[in-house]
Amino acid sequence: MPAALTAPRTRALALCGALAAALFAVAALAPLPYTLTWPGDTADVLGQYKGHQVLTLTGAPTRATEGQLRMVTISATNPGEKTTLWTALKAWADKGEAVLPSDAVYPQTDPAKAEQVTAQQMTQSQDSATVAALAYLHLPASQVKVTVDLGAIGGPSAGQMLALGIIDKLAGDGSGGDLSGGKVIAGTGTIDNDGNVGAVGGVPLKTKAAAQDGATVFLVPRGECADAKVDTPAGLRLVPVTTLAGAVDALKALKSGGAVPSC
């Protein structure tokens, strides 16, 4: 063996290198508090999702609609499932995936509790969407019953699109036409009883999901414009909104050729 490889300094360097490699290998496999996410399903709130009507309204006349109003989702690894450094690095290099802090995706690490909380968030979102939509139309809440069926989809981010769907089914654009203008409109955003649209997260993945399902317009909470502009799919127009009324006005302007806000 060459003398250089048996010198004490060389052996020390070799040992340090071996330790560093071992530490990197352990770190690459160690679980991190992050969740892997990618574009999920979209659902036309005016139509069906997995064979079930998304919006069912009773207590008031409804209208036939054309076009689509699509709520969008992101898919993610299961709550409590840990992501390794190696998996995270691969996801960061893939524009079709993203790595987010687990607590930004799931309110609980326990799968059963996470499912319960996201189901509660969806129920609250449906209730607020109904209240906000009926208030916008100046209809008494006691007159119209709204039932929403989105299967196992949870969370609060469908609120804006559900509210727009309710308005479209009851009144359209107010002039006999559809809010969608016959196009595929997608969007995301929470909504409260007063019609304020809030941020949701995961927007860069949601724009991809929307484009994959044919959307040409994406309604995004104004505060998330910067996120929405990250690798925006070609042909997808971003329209920032802050309120339900503003979203309706933007859709009407898209149809008439009027001024439409942009990110």
Protein backbone atom coordinates (compact mmCIF):
# COMPACT_ATOMS: atom_id res chain seq x y z
CA MET A 1 0.00 0.00 0.00
CA PRO A 2 1.43 3.46 -0.85
CA ALA A 3 2.81 5.29 2.15
CA ALA A 4 0.59 8.31 1.45
CA LEU A 5 -2.54 6.23 2.11
CA THR A 6 -1.27 4.92 5.42
CA ALA A 7 -0.17 8.27 6.87
CA PRO A 8 -2.16 9.33 9.97
CA ARG A 9 -3.50 12.49 8.26
CA THR A 10 -4.71 10.51 5.26
CA ARG A 11 -6.43 7.95 7.44
CA ALA A 12 -8.11 10.77 9.41
CA LEU A 13 -9.35 12.40 6.22
CA ALA A 14 -10.65 9.08 4.94
CA LEU A 15 -12.44 8.48 8.25
CA CYS A 16 -14.00 11.97 8.17
CA GLY A 17 -15.15 11.37 4.60
CA ALA A 18 -16.73 8.07 5.58
CA LEU A 19 -18.50 9.68 8.53
CA ALA A 20 -19.78 12.53 6.34
CA ALA A 21 -21.10 10.06 3.79
CA ALA A 22 -22.83 8.08 6.51
CA LEU A 23 -24.38 11.20 8.00
CA PHE A 24 -25.63 12.30 4.58
CA ALA A 25 -27.13 8.86 3.98
CA VAL A 26 -28.92 8.99 7.33
CA ALA A 27 -30.14 12.54 6.67
CA ALA A 28 -31.39 11.60 3.22
CA LEU A 29 -33.56 8.87 4.71
CA ALA A 30 -34.64 10.68 7.89
CA PRO A 31 -38.30 11.80 7.95
CA LEU A 32 -38.95 15.53 7.59
CA PRO A 33 -42.08 17.52 8.63
CA TYR A 34 -43.03 18.12 5.01
CA THR A 35 -45.73 16.77 2.70
CA LEU A 36 -45.37 15.98 -0.99
CA THR A 37 -48.14 17.56 -3.11
CA TRP A 38 -49.15 17.55 -6.78
CA PRO A 39 -52.11 18.75 -8.94
CA GLY A 40 -55.35 17.05 -7.89
CA ASP A 41 -58.89 16.69 -9.18
CA THR A 42 -61.09 19.49 -10.42
CA ALA A 43 -64.88 19.42 -10.28
CA ASP A 44 -67.45 21.44 -12.21
CA VAL A 45 -69.75 22.71 -9.45
CA LEU A 46 -72.50 23.15 -12.06
CA GLY A 47 -72.32 19.48 -13.03
CA GLN A 48 -71.39 16.14 -11.53
CA TYR A 49 -68.39 14.80 -9.68
CA LYS A 50 -67.83 11.04 -9.58
CA GLY A 51 -71.40 10.42 -10.74
CA HIS A 52 -73.12 12.73 -8.23
CA GLN A 53 -74.60 16.20 -8.78
CA VAL A 54 -72.36 18.69 -6.97
CA LEU A 55 -74.98 21.35 -6.27
CA THR A 56 -78.64 20.55 -5.63
CA LEU A 57 -80.92 23.50 -4.94
CA THR A 58 -84.50 23.32 -3.74
CA GLY A 59 -87.01 25.98 -2.71
CA ALA A 60 -86.47 28.27 -5.71
CA PRO A 61 -86.51 27.96 -9.52
CA THR A 62 -83.14 27.01 -11.02
CA ARG A 63 -81.85 27.50 -14.53
CA ALA A 64 -80.01 25.30 -17.01
CA THR A 65 -76.38 26.35 -17.42
CA GLU A 66 -73.67 26.06 -20.03
CA GLY A 67 -69.95 26.29 -19.51
CA GLN A 68 -68.20 25.18 -16.35
CA LEU A 69 -67.20 26.59 -12.98
CA ARG A 70 -64.47 24.30 -11.66
CA MET A 71 -63.19 24.08 -8.11
CA VAL A 72 -59.68 22.64 -7.91
CA THR A 73 -57.73 20.53 -5.45
CA ILE A 74 -54.22 19.39 -4.73
CA SER A 75 -53.31 15.80 -3.96
CA ALA A 76 -50.88 15.00 -1.16
CA THR A 77 -49.20 12.17 0.66
CA ASN A 78 -51.25 10.94 3.61
CA PRO A 79 -51.30 12.90 6.88
CA GLY A 80 -48.63 11.61 9.20
CA GLU A 81 -46.61 10.18 6.30
CA LYS A 82 -43.09 11.61 6.48
CA THR A 83 -41.11 12.89 3.52
CA THR A 84 -37.37 12.18 3.34
CA LEU A 85 -34.74 14.66 2.19
CA TRP A 86 -34.12 12.57 -0.92
CA THR A 87 -37.82 12.58 -1.82
CA ALA A 88 -38.04 16.31 -1.16
CA LEU A 89 -35.04 17.06 -3.37
CA LYS A 90 -36.57 15.08 -6.23
CA ALA A 91 -39.89 16.91 -5.81
CA TRP A 92 -38.21 20.32 -5.76
CA ALA A 93 -36.66 19.48 -9.12
CA ASP A 94 -40.05 18.49 -10.57
CA LYS A 95 -42.31 21.39 -11.63
CA GLY A 96 -45.31 19.08 -11.31
CA GLU A 97 -44.79 18.55 -7.59
CA ALA A 98 -44.24 20.68 -4.52
CA VAL A 99 -43.08 20.13 -0.96
CA LEU A 100 -45.04 22.04 1.68
CA PRO A 101 -44.86 22.10 5.49
CA SER A 102 -47.16 19.35 6.70
CA ASP A 103 -49.08 21.69 9.01
CA ALA A 104 -49.89 23.89 5.98
CA VAL A 105 -51.56 20.93 4.27
CA TYR A 106 -53.13 19.02 7.14
CA PRO A 107 -54.54 20.47 10.36
CA GLN A 108 -53.71 17.21 12.16
CA THR A 109 -51.02 14.55 11.74
CA ASP A 110 -53.37 11.78 12.82
CA PRO A 111 -55.17 10.59 9.64
CA ALA A 112 -58.57 10.14 11.31
CA LYS A 113 -58.44 13.55 13.00
CA ALA A 114 -57.18 15.21 9.80
CA GLU A 115 -60.09 13.76 7.84
CA GLN A 116 -62.53 14.93 10.49
CA VAL A 117 -61.18 18.49 10.51
CA THR A 118 -61.07 18.84 6.72
CA ALA A 119 -64.64 17.48 6.51
CA GLN A 120 -65.72 20.12 9.03
CA GLN A 121 -63.93 22.79 7.00
CA MET A 122 -65.79 21.70 3.87
CA THR A 123 -69.14 21.82 5.69
CA GLN A 124 -68.40 25.33 6.97
CA SER A 125 -67.29 26.35 3.47
CA GLN A 126 -70.57 25.08 1.99
CA ASP A 127 -72.62 26.91 4.61
CA SER A 128 -70.73 30.18 4.08
CA ALA A 129 -70.97 29.84 0.29
CA THR A 130 -74.74 29.46 0.58
CA VAL A 131 -75.13 32.43 2.93
CA ALA A 132 -72.89 34.66 0.81
CA ALA A 133 -74.54 33.69 -2.50
CA LEU A 134 -78.09 34.20 -1.21
CA ALA A 135 -77.10 37.52 0.36
CA TYR A 136 -75.64 38.64 -2.96
CA LEU A 137 -78.94 37.75 -4.67
CA HIS A 138 -80.98 39.34 -1.84
CA LEU A 139 -82.79 36.06 -1.23
CA PRO A 140 -83.83 34.95 2.28
CA ALA A 141 -81.74 32.08 3.57
CA SER A 142 -84.91 30.27 4.68
CA GLN A 143 -86.18 30.08 1.09
CA VAL A 144 -83.44 28.05 -0.60
CA LYS A 145 -81.85 24.80 0.55
CA VAL A 146 -78.45 23.95 -0.93
CA THR A 147 -76.93 20.48 -0.81
CA VAL A 148 -73.31 19.92 -1.87
CA ASP A 149 -71.80 16.56 -2.82
CA LEU A 150 -68.06 16.57 -3.51
CA GLY A 151 -67.39 13.08 -2.26
CA ALA A 152 -64.34 12.83 -0.02
CA ILE A 153 -62.95 16.28 -0.93
CA GLY A 154 -62.36 18.30 2.22
CA GLY A 155 -61.02 21.66 3.28
CA PRO A 156 -62.32 25.21 2.82
CA SER A 157 -60.89 26.19 -0.58
CA ALA A 158 -63.97 25.43 -2.73
CA GLY A 159 -65.98 28.20 -1.10
CA GLN A 160 -65.68 30.84 -3.80
CA MET A 161 -66.56 28.49 -6.67
CA LEU A 162 -69.50 26.97 -4.77
CA ALA A 163 -70.92 30.44 -4.16
CA LEU A 164 -70.53 31.34 -7.84
CA GLY A 165 -72.21 28.07 -8.80
CA ILE A 166 -75.20 28.83 -6.58
CA ILE A 167 -75.55 32.28 -8.13
CA ASP A 168 -75.27 30.88 -11.65
CA LYS A 169 -77.93 28.24 -11.03
CA LEU A 170 -80.35 30.74 -9.51
CA ALA A 171 -79.77 33.91 -11.52
CA GLY A 172 -76.94 33.53 -14.02
CA ASP A 173 -75.43 36.86 -14.99
CA GLY A 174 -78.70 38.66 -14.30
CA SER A 175 -79.36 39.18 -18.01
CA GLY A 176 -80.36 35.68 -19.07
CA GLY A 177 -76.81 34.42 -19.63
CA ASP A 178 -74.34 32.27 -17.74
CA LEU A 179 -71.61 33.59 -15.47
CA SER A 180 -69.13 31.36 -17.28
CA GLY A 181 -69.97 32.76 -20.70
CA GLY A 182 -69.88 29.18 -21.95
CA LYS A 183 -66.19 28.85 -21.02
CA VAL A 184 -64.35 26.66 -18.55
CA ILE A 185 -63.66 28.91 -15.55
CA ALA A 186 -61.68 27.55 -12.61
CA GLY A 187 -60.75 29.10 -9.31
CA THR A 188 -59.99 28.71 -5.65
CA GLY A 189 -60.46 30.64 -2.46
CA THR A 190 -62.21 30.43 0.88
CA ILE A 191 -65.34 32.47 1.47
CA ASP A 192 -66.99 33.85 4.57
CA ASN A 193 -70.63 34.75 5.22
CA ASP A 194 -69.99 38.32 4.04
CA GLY A 195 -68.59 37.18 0.69
CA ASN A 196 -64.91 37.88 1.36
CA VAL A 197 -62.57 35.61 -0.60
CA GLY A 198 -59.51 34.36 1.28
CA ALA A 199 -56.17 32.69 0.52
CA VAL A 200 -55.84 28.92 0.37
CA GLY A 201 -52.28 27.82 -0.55
CA GLY A 202 -51.06 25.41 -3.19
CA VAL A 203 -52.06 27.79 -5.99
CA PRO A 204 -49.23 26.91 -8.45
CA LEU A 205 -50.39 23.29 -8.40
CA LYS A 206 -54.04 24.29 -8.70
CA THR A 207 -53.42 26.34 -11.84
CA LYS A 208 -51.86 23.25 -13.41
CA ALA A 209 -54.85 21.12 -12.42
CA ALA A 210 -57.20 23.73 -13.88
CA ALA A 211 -55.34 23.94 -17.18
CA GLN A 212 -55.23 20.15 -17.48
CA ASP A 213 -59.04 20.11 -17.32
CA GLY A 214 -59.51 22.79 -19.95
CA ALA A 215 -59.79 26.01 -17.96
CA THR A 216 -58.81 29.26 -19.69
CA VAL A 217 -59.52 31.57 -16.72
CA PHE A 218 -58.46 31.12 -13.11
CA LEU A 219 -59.98 33.16 -10.27
CA VAL A 220 -57.34 33.55 -7.58
CA PRO A 221 -57.40 35.34 -4.20
CA ARG A 222 -55.60 38.64 -4.82
CA GLY A 223 -53.07 38.01 -2.08
CA GLU A 224 -51.88 34.90 -3.92
CA CYS A 225 -51.24 36.50 -7.30
CA ALA A 226 -47.47 36.12 -6.93
CA ASP A 227 -47.82 32.41 -6.22
CA ALA A 228 -50.23 31.95 -9.12
CA LYS A 229 -47.72 33.51 -11.52
CA VAL A 230 -45.12 30.84 -10.74
CA ASP A 231 -44.92 28.68 -13.87
CA THR A 232 -48.47 29.59 -14.95
CA PRO A 233 -49.73 27.21 -17.66
CA ALA A 234 -49.83 28.73 -21.14
CA GLY A 235 -53.25 30.08 -22.08
CA LEU A 236 -54.52 30.39 -18.51
CA ARG A 237 -55.64 33.92 -17.60
CA LEU A 238 -55.27 34.87 -13.93
CA VAL A 239 -58.01 37.06 -12.48
CA PRO A 240 -57.48 38.29 -8.89
CA VAL A 241 -60.51 38.66 -6.62
CA THR A 242 -61.16 39.75 -3.05
CA THR A 243 -64.95 39.41 -2.80
CA LEU A 244 -67.76 37.36 -4.29
CA ALA A 245 -69.26 40.48 -5.84
CA GLY A 246 -65.90 41.28 -7.42
CA ALA A 247 -65.69 37.76 -8.86
CA VAL A 248 -69.15 38.10 -10.41
CA ASP A 249 -68.23 41.50 -11.86
CA ALA A 250 -65.02 40.06 -13.33
CA LEU A 251 -66.90 37.20 -15.00
CA LYS A 252 -69.44 39.62 -16.47
CA ALA A 253 -66.60 41.81 -17.76
CA LEU A 254 -64.93 38.80 -19.37
CA LYS A 255 -68.12 38.17 -21.33
CA SER A 256 -68.72 41.77 -22.35
CA GLY A 257 -65.12 42.65 -23.15
CA GLY A 258 -64.89 45.13 -20.29
CA ALA A 259 -61.96 45.85 -18.02
CA VAL A 260 -60.87 42.79 -16.06
CA PRO A 261 -58.31 42.88 -13.21
CA SER A 262 -55.13 40.88 -13.70
CA CYS A 263 -52.26 39.64 -11.55
